[in-house]
Each structure stands twice: as C-alpha cells, then as structure tokens.
C-alpha atoms as a PDB file:
ATOM      1  CA  MET A   1       0.000   0.000   0.000  1.00  0.00           C
ATOM      2  CA  ILE A   2       1.302   3.417  -0.919  1.00  0.00           C
ATOM      3  CA  LEU A   3       0.476   6.155   1.563  1.00  0.00           C
ATOM      4  CA  THR A   4      -0.274   9.665   0.400  1.00  0.00           C
ATOM      5  CA  LYS A   5      -0.863  12.955   2.107  1.00  0.00           C
ATOM      6  CA  GLN A   6      -3.927  14.918   1.102  1.00  0.00           C
ATOM      7  CA  GLY A   7      -3.558  18.651   0.899  1.00  0.00           C
ATOM      8  CA  ASP A   8      -6.134  21.326   1.659  1.00  0.00           C
ATOM      9  CA  ASN A   9      -6.894  21.525  -2.055  1.00  0.00           C
ATOM     10  CA  GLY A  10      -7.841  17.783  -2.231  1.00  0.00           C
ATOM     11  CA  TYR A  11      -4.740  16.705  -4.155  1.00  0.00           C
ATOM     12  CA  HIS A  12      -2.755  13.641  -3.049  1.00  0.00           C
ATOM     13  CA  TYR A  13       0.953  14.123  -2.441  1.00  0.00           C
ATOM     14  CA  PHE A  14       3.545  11.349  -2.493  1.00  0.00           C
ATOM     15  CA  ASP A  15       6.772  11.311  -0.500  1.00  0.00           C
ATOM     16  CA  ASN A  16      10.088  10.107  -1.987  1.00  0.00           C
ATOM     17  CA  LYS A  17       9.635   6.570  -0.664  1.00  0.00           C
ATOM     18  CA  ALA A  18       6.204   6.279  -2.336  1.00  0.00           C
ATOM     19  CA  ILE A  19       7.549   7.619  -5.641  1.00  0.00           C
ATOM     20  CA  GLU A  20      10.420   5.099  -5.560  1.00  0.00           C
ATOM     21  CA  ARG A  21       7.923   2.301  -4.938  1.00  0.00           C
ATOM     22  CA  LEU A  22       5.710   3.427  -7.863  1.00  0.00           C
ATOM     23  CA  LEU A  23       8.745   3.564 -10.162  1.00  0.00           C
ATOM     24  CA  LEU A  24       9.716   0.046  -9.036  1.00  0.00           C
ATOM     25  CA  ILE A  25       6.205  -1.225  -9.836  1.00  0.00           C
ATOM     26  CA  LYS A  26       6.385   0.432 -13.253  1.00  0.00           C
ATOM     27  CA  ARG A  27       9.802  -1.123 -13.978  1.00  0.00           C
ATOM     28  CA  LEU A  28       8.700  -4.597 -12.857  1.00  0.00           C
ATOM     29  CA  SER A  29       5.508  -4.424 -14.880  1.00  0.00           C
ATOM     30  CA  ARG A  30       6.630  -2.820 -18.130  1.00  0.00           C
ATOM     31  CA  ASP A  31      10.305  -3.628 -18.415  1.00  0.00           C
ATOM     32  CA  GLN A  32      10.444  -7.096 -16.876  1.00  0.00           C
ATOM     33  CA  GLY A  33       6.940  -8.322 -17.714  1.00  0.00           C
ATOM     34  CA  TYR A  34       5.860  -9.230 -14.197  1.00  0.00           C
ATOM     35  CA  SER A  35       2.172  -9.814 -13.522  1.00  0.00           C
ATOM     36  CA  LEU A  36       0.371  -7.962 -10.750  1.00  0.00           C
ATOM     37  CA  LYS A  37       0.509 -11.068  -8.547  1.00  0.00           C
ATOM     38  CA  GLN A  38       4.260 -11.357  -9.082  1.00  0.00           C
ATOM     39  CA  ILE A  39       4.739  -7.676  -8.223  1.00  0.00           C
ATOM     40  CA  GLU A  40       2.624  -8.134  -5.100  1.00  0.00           C
ATOM     41  CA  PHE A  41       4.761 -11.130  -4.104  1.00  0.00           C
ATOM     42  CA  TYR A  42       7.944  -9.152  -4.730  1.00  0.00           C
ATOM     43  CA  LEU A  43       6.775  -6.181  -2.665  1.00  0.00           C
ATOM     44  CA  SER A  44       5.482  -8.296   0.222  1.00  0.00           C
ATOM     45  CA  THR A  45       8.491 -10.634   0.520  1.00  0.00           C
ATOM     46  CA  GLY A  46      11.313  -8.740  -1.137  1.00  0.00           C
ATOM     47  CA  GLU A  47      12.122 -11.856  -3.200  1.00  0.00           C
ATOM     48  CA  ASP A  48      12.119 -12.088  -6.960  1.00  0.00           C
ATOM     49  CA  PRO A  49       9.452 -14.356  -8.382  1.00  0.00           C
ATOM     50  CA  ILE A  50      10.721 -17.421 -10.200  1.00  0.00           C
ATOM     51  CA  LYS A  51       9.994 -16.223 -13.764  1.00  0.00           C
ATOM     52  CA  PRO A  52       7.967 -13.502 -15.372  1.00  0.00           C
ATOM     53  CA  GLU A  53       4.776 -14.655 -17.066  1.00  0.00           C
ATOM     54  CA  LYS A  54       5.884 -13.387 -20.478  1.00  0.00           C
ATOM     55  CA  PRO A  55       6.121 -16.286 -22.873  1.00  0.00           C
ATOM     56  CA  PRO A  56       9.572 -16.759 -24.356  1.00  0.00           C
ATOM     57  CA  GLU A  57      10.146 -15.338 -27.813  1.00  0.00           C
ATOM     58  CA  ASP A  58      10.612 -18.772 -29.368  1.00  0.00           C
ATOM     59  CA  GLN A  59       7.137 -19.732 -28.136  1.00  0.00           C
ATOM     60  CA  LEU A  60       5.728 -16.618 -29.792  1.00  0.00           C
ATOM     61  CA  LEU A  61       7.533 -17.485 -33.016  1.00  0.00           C
ATOM     62  CA  LYS A  62       6.103 -21.013 -32.926  1.00  0.00           C
ATOM     63  CA  GLU A  63       2.604 -19.655 -32.434  1.00  0.00           C
ATOM     64  CA  LEU A  64       3.096 -17.149 -35.251  1.00  0.00           C
ATOM     65  CA  LYS A  65       4.348 -19.918 -37.555  1.00  0.00           C
ATOM     66  CA  LEU A  66       1.309 -22.050 -36.664  1.00  0.00           C
ATOM     67  CA  ILE A  67      -1.019 -19.136 -37.419  1.00  0.00           C
ATOM     68  CA  LYS A  68       0.700 -18.584 -40.780  1.00  0.00           C
ATOM     69  CA  GLU A  69       0.288 -22.278 -41.655  1.00  0.00           C
ATOM     70  CA  GLN A  70      -3.383 -22.144 -40.706  1.00  0.00           C
ATOM     71  CA  LEU A  71      -3.858 -19.036 -42.876  1.00  0.00           C
ATOM     72  CA  LYS A  72      -2.198 -20.796 -45.803  1.00  0.00           C
ATOM     73  CA  LEU A  73      -4.484 -23.806 -45.378  1.00  0.00           C
ATOM     74  CA  GLN A  74      -7.497 -21.496 -45.170  1.00  0.00           C
ATOM     75  CA  GLU A  75      -6.443 -19.746 -48.388  1.00  0.00           C
ATOM     76  CA  GLU A  76      -6.103 -23.101 -50.171  1.00  0.00           C
ATOM     77  CA  PHE A  77      -9.522 -24.146 -48.914  1.00  0.00           C
ATOM     78  CA  ASN A  78     -11.020 -20.851 -50.084  1.00  0.00           C
ATOM     79  CA  GLN A  79      -9.499 -21.311 -53.559  1.00  0.00           C
ATOM     80  CA  ALA A  80     -10.875 -24.854 -53.808  1.00  0.00           C
ATOM     81  CA  LEU A  81     -14.268 -23.605 -52.671  1.00  0.00           C
ATOM     82  CA  ILE A  82     -14.253 -20.839 -55.289  1.00  0.00           C
ATOM     83  CA  GLN A  83     -13.379 -23.356 -58.022  1.00  0.00           C
ATOM     84  CA  ARG A  84     -16.178 -25.658 -56.874  1.00  0.00           C
ATOM     85  CA  LEU A  85     -18.664 -22.787 -56.847  1.00  0.00           C
ATOM     86  CA  ASP A  86     -17.566 -21.760 -60.347  1.00  0.00           C
ATOM     87  CA  GLN A  87     -18.116 -25.331 -61.564  1.00  0.00           C
ATOM     88  CA  GLN A  88     -21.571 -25.427 -59.999  1.00  0.00           C
ATOM     89  CA  GLN A  89     -22.470 -22.065 -61.506  1.00  0.00           C
ATOM     90  CA  GLN A  90     -21.333 -23.265 -64.931  1.00  0.00           C
ATOM     91  CA  TYR A  91     -23.359 -26.490 -64.537  1.00  0.00           C
ATOM     92  CA  ILE A  92     -26.460 -24.492 -63.581  1.00  0.00           C
ATOM     93  CA  ALA A  93     -26.030 -22.170 -66.569  1.00  0.00           C
ATOM     94  CA  GLU A  94     -25.631 -25.128 -68.946  1.00  0.00           C
ATOM     95  CA  SER A  95     -28.675 -26.865 -67.437  1.00  0.00           C
ATOM     96  CA  LEU A  96     -30.784 -23.729 -67.865  1.00  0.00           C
ATOM     97  CA  ASN A  97     -29.643 -23.346 -71.473  1.00  0.00           C
ATOM     98  CA  LYS A  98     -30.554 -26.986 -72.238  1.00  0.00           C
ATOM     99  CA  ARG A  99     -33.934 -26.530 -70.572  1.00  0.00           C
ATOM    100  CA  ASP A 100     -34.616 -23.365 -72.572  1.00  0.00           C
ATOM    101  CA  LYS A 101     -33.563 -25.101 -75.815  1.00  0.00           C
ATOM    102  CA  ASN A 102     -35.863 -28.076 -75.069  1.00  0.00           C
ATOM    103  CA  LEU A 103     -38.759 -25.732 -74.265  1.00  0.00           C
ATOM    104  CA  LEU A 104     -38.285 -23.829 -77.528  1.00  0.00           C
ATOM    105  CA  GLU A 105     -38.154 -27.084 -79.490  1.00  0.00           C
ATOM    106  CA  ALA A 106     -41.348 -28.293 -77.769  1.00  0.00           C
ATOM    107  CA  LEU A 107     -43.092 -24.998 -78.538  1.00  0.00           C
ATOM    108  CA  ASN A 108     -42.004 -25.132 -82.191  1.00  0.00           C
ATOM    109  CA  GLU A 109     -43.182 -28.743 -82.481  1.00  0.00           C
ATOM    110  CA  SER A 110     -46.507 -27.823 -80.905  1.00  0.00           C
ATOM    111  CA  LYS A 111     -46.891 -24.850 -83.246  1.00  0.00           C
ATOM    112  CA  GLN A 112     -46.028 -27.021 -86.261  1.00  0.00           C
ATOM    113  CA  ALA A 113     -48.518 -29.688 -85.145  1.00  0.00           C
ATOM    114  CA  ARG A 114     -51.289 -27.064 -84.856  1.00  0.00           C
ATOM    115  CA  ILE A 115     -50.447 -25.721 -88.323  1.00  0.00           C
ATOM    116  CA  GLU A 116     -50.525 -29.235 -89.770  1.00  0.00           C
ATOM    117  CA  ALA A 117     -53.812 -30.007 -87.993  1.00  0.00           C
ATOM    118  CA  ALA A 118     -55.370 -26.800 -89.337  1.00  0.00           C
ATOM    119  CA  ALA A 119     -54.161 -27.633 -92.856  1.00  0.00           C
ATOM    120  CA  ALA A 120     -55.558 -31.151 -92.612  1.00  0.00           C
ATOM    121  CA  ALA A 121     -58.906 -29.799 -91.413  1.00  0.00           C
ATOM    122  CA  GLN A 122     -58.899 -27.303 -94.270  1.00  0.00           C
ATOM    123  CA  GLN A 123     -58.324 -30.065 -96.811  1.00  0.00           C
ATOM    124  CA  LYS A 124     -61.230 -32.128 -95.431  1.00  0.00           C
ATOM    125  CA  LYS A 125     -63.674 -29.341 -96.161  1.00  0.00           C
ATOM    126  CA  GLY A 126     -65.441 -29.374 -99.435  1.00  0.00           C
ATOM    127  CA  PHE A 127     -64.748 -27.195-102.423  1.00  0.00           C
ATOM    128  CA  PHE A 128     -67.398 -24.595-101.629  1.00  0.00           C
ATOM    129  CA  SER A 129     -66.572 -24.292 -97.922  1.00  0.00           C
ATOM    130  CA  ARG A 130     -62.927 -23.767 -98.767  1.00  0.00           C
ATOM    131  CA  LEU A 131     -63.912 -21.202-101.311  1.00  0.00           C
ATOM    132  CA  PHE A 132     -66.088 -19.132 -98.963  1.00  0.00           C
ATOM    133  CA  SER A 133     -64.109 -19.525 -95.720  1.00  0.00           C
ATOM    134  CA  LYS A 134     -61.377 -17.140 -96.714  1.00  0.00           C
END
C-alpha cells in the first residue's frame, strides 16, 4: 500500500519513498513483464518471483508460424471452394440453357402440329366451304 498525504486543495501528495515504490512497480511491470501477482509477491516478501509470465520469444515465433500455416491452409480451402462454386455455376447455366432449348423445341413442335392439324382440317372441307371460308 502506498500512503499519500492529502492537501487542503484535495490533491494527493507522495513522499520520496512512495515515488520510488511506484517507479519500481512500473519497472517490474513494463520492463520485466511481471504480472500484478508477481509484483505483489515481490513487494510483500522482497524476493524475486521465479519467472515472469511473459512467454519466451521462441514460443511466440512457434505460435506465429502455426497461425501462418493455418492461414495458408485457409487460403487453399477458399481457392478450392471458389473453383467448386464456379463449376456449380457453370453447370447451372448449362442446365438452364438446355432446358430453354428443349422448351423452344417443344413450342415449335406444338406450333407445327397445330399448323398441320389446321391444314388437314382445311383439306377435309369441301370445295365450296374452302372457297367461302377465306
């Protein structure tokens, strides 16, 4: 605990011992990577904790390498997915074109059948009905 003196104006004032303690806390925390619990242990016992909680740099490099590998795998998966989607889109477009072509052929056949049926009906009529139906 760091004691302060409160002035008449409401401000807190630190003595030299308190300032030295705050600077020590800052150095332990920022420069040496100690956690708050480790700093508390240090201040209460005067002993250095076993190790700071900062992971070693080689551990960070391993984690970074793993993340890079995972990103590469994700990019490969995304590329494969894009190719698959392109194939499906092409298949759908081809299927729609075939369907449209078949529909047009069916409509043309139907139209031709109606024309042929009308011509056959026209030929069955007699001479006078053909003459006056136009």
